[in-house]
Amino acid sequence: MKVVIHRALVESQLDAPKHLARRVHDEYFDSRVQEFAPQTLWSLSNAFTSAFKDLDAIPQCKATAKLASFLELATTGLS
């Protein structure tokens, strides 16, 4: 899933600030929340939305609204 985080934030395939990459990575790979510890697509989505909470309201809404479709496309064919 590192590649998905990279595509989203470093390659700007998701309309979200690049500086969130480290936070998303940490939330996904080193989650403090036990329910998110299994590294699933659901926990990846939660890692993104947790990081989005650092944004102002409008950018947060825009990024969150585009997340599901991005994850669907980005994870198609990944095992």
Protein backbone atom coordinates (compact mmCIF):
# COMPACT_ATOMS: atom_id res chain seq x y z
CA MET A 1 0.00 0.00 0.00
CA LYS A 2 3.02 2.30 0.12
CA VAL A 3 2.61 2.74 -3.62
CA VAL A 4 -1.00 3.89 -3.17
CA ILE A 5 0.03 6.50 -0.59
CA HIS A 6 2.85 7.62 -2.89
CA ARG A 7 0.55 7.93 -5.91
CA ALA A 8 -2.04 9.82 -3.91
CA LEU A 9 0.15 12.40 -2.24
CA VAL A 10 3.62 12.49 -3.78
CA GLU A 11 2.43 12.11 -7.37
CA SER A 12 -0.63 14.30 -6.60
CA GLN A 13 -3.18 11.84 -7.99
CA LEU A 14 -5.46 12.80 -5.11
CA ASP A 15 -6.29 16.43 -4.47
CA ALA A 16 -4.64 16.57 -1.04
CA PRO A 17 -1.47 18.23 0.26
CA LYS A 18 1.79 16.32 -0.11
CA HIS A 19 2.81 17.04 3.47
CA LEU A 20 0.20 14.53 4.65
CA ALA A 21 2.14 11.59 3.20
CA ARG A 22 4.09 10.89 6.40
CA ARG A 23 0.95 11.11 8.53
CA VAL A 24 -0.99 8.72 6.27
CA HIS A 25 1.97 6.33 6.23
CA ASP A 26 2.26 6.37 10.02
CA GLU A 27 -1.48 5.98 10.55
CA TYR A 28 -1.54 2.96 8.22
CA PHE A 29 1.67 1.14 9.12
CA ASP A 30 1.95 2.11 12.81
CA SER A 31 -1.64 2.74 13.82
CA ARG A 32 -2.31 3.46 17.46
CA VAL A 33 -5.92 2.37 16.99
CA GLN A 34 -6.25 -1.39 17.39
CA GLU A 35 -9.14 -1.69 14.92
CA PHE A 36 -6.97 -0.09 12.21
CA ALA A 37 -3.92 -2.29 12.87
CA PRO A 38 -4.78 -4.94 10.26
CA GLN A 39 -3.47 -3.46 7.04
CA THR A 40 -6.61 -3.56 4.93
CA LEU A 41 -8.17 -1.20 2.42
CA TRP A 42 -10.52 -0.06 5.18
CA SER A 43 -7.60 0.83 7.46
CA LEU A 44 -5.88 2.63 4.57
CA SER A 45 -9.01 4.71 4.04
CA ASN A 46 -9.06 5.49 7.75
CA ALA A 47 -5.39 6.50 7.63
CA PHE A 48 -6.19 9.04 4.91
CA THR A 49 -9.25 10.42 6.67
CA SER A 50 -7.35 10.67 9.96
CA ALA A 51 -4.65 12.71 8.22
CA PHE A 52 -7.27 14.86 6.49
CA LYS A 53 -8.42 16.05 9.92
CA ASP A 54 -5.33 18.29 9.93
CA LEU A 55 -6.79 20.28 7.02
CA ASP A 56 -9.15 23.24 7.08
CA ALA A 57 -12.81 22.38 6.51
CA ILE A 58 -13.11 22.98 2.76
CA PRO A 59 -9.89 21.19 1.70
CA GLN A 60 -10.80 18.37 4.11
CA CYS A 61 -14.23 17.94 2.49
CA LYS A 62 -12.78 18.03 -1.03
CA ALA A 63 -10.09 15.45 -0.26
CA THR A 64 -12.51 13.17 1.58
CA ALA A 65 -15.05 13.35 -1.24
CA LYS A 66 -12.47 12.16 -3.78
CA LEU A 67 -10.85 9.50 -1.60
CA ALA A 68 -13.20 6.56 -2.27
CA SER A 69 -12.98 6.80 -6.06
CA PHE A 70 -9.20 7.26 -5.90
CA LEU A 71 -8.76 4.20 -3.66
CA GLU A 72 -11.01 2.11 -5.89
CA LEU A 73 -8.96 2.94 -8.98
CA ALA A 74 -5.60 2.79 -7.23
CA THR A 75 -6.16 -0.60 -5.65
CA THR A 76 -7.75 -2.38 -8.60
CA GLY A 77 -5.54 -5.34 -9.37
CA LEU A 78 -3.41 -5.03 -6.23
CA SER A 79 -3.17 -8.14 -4.10
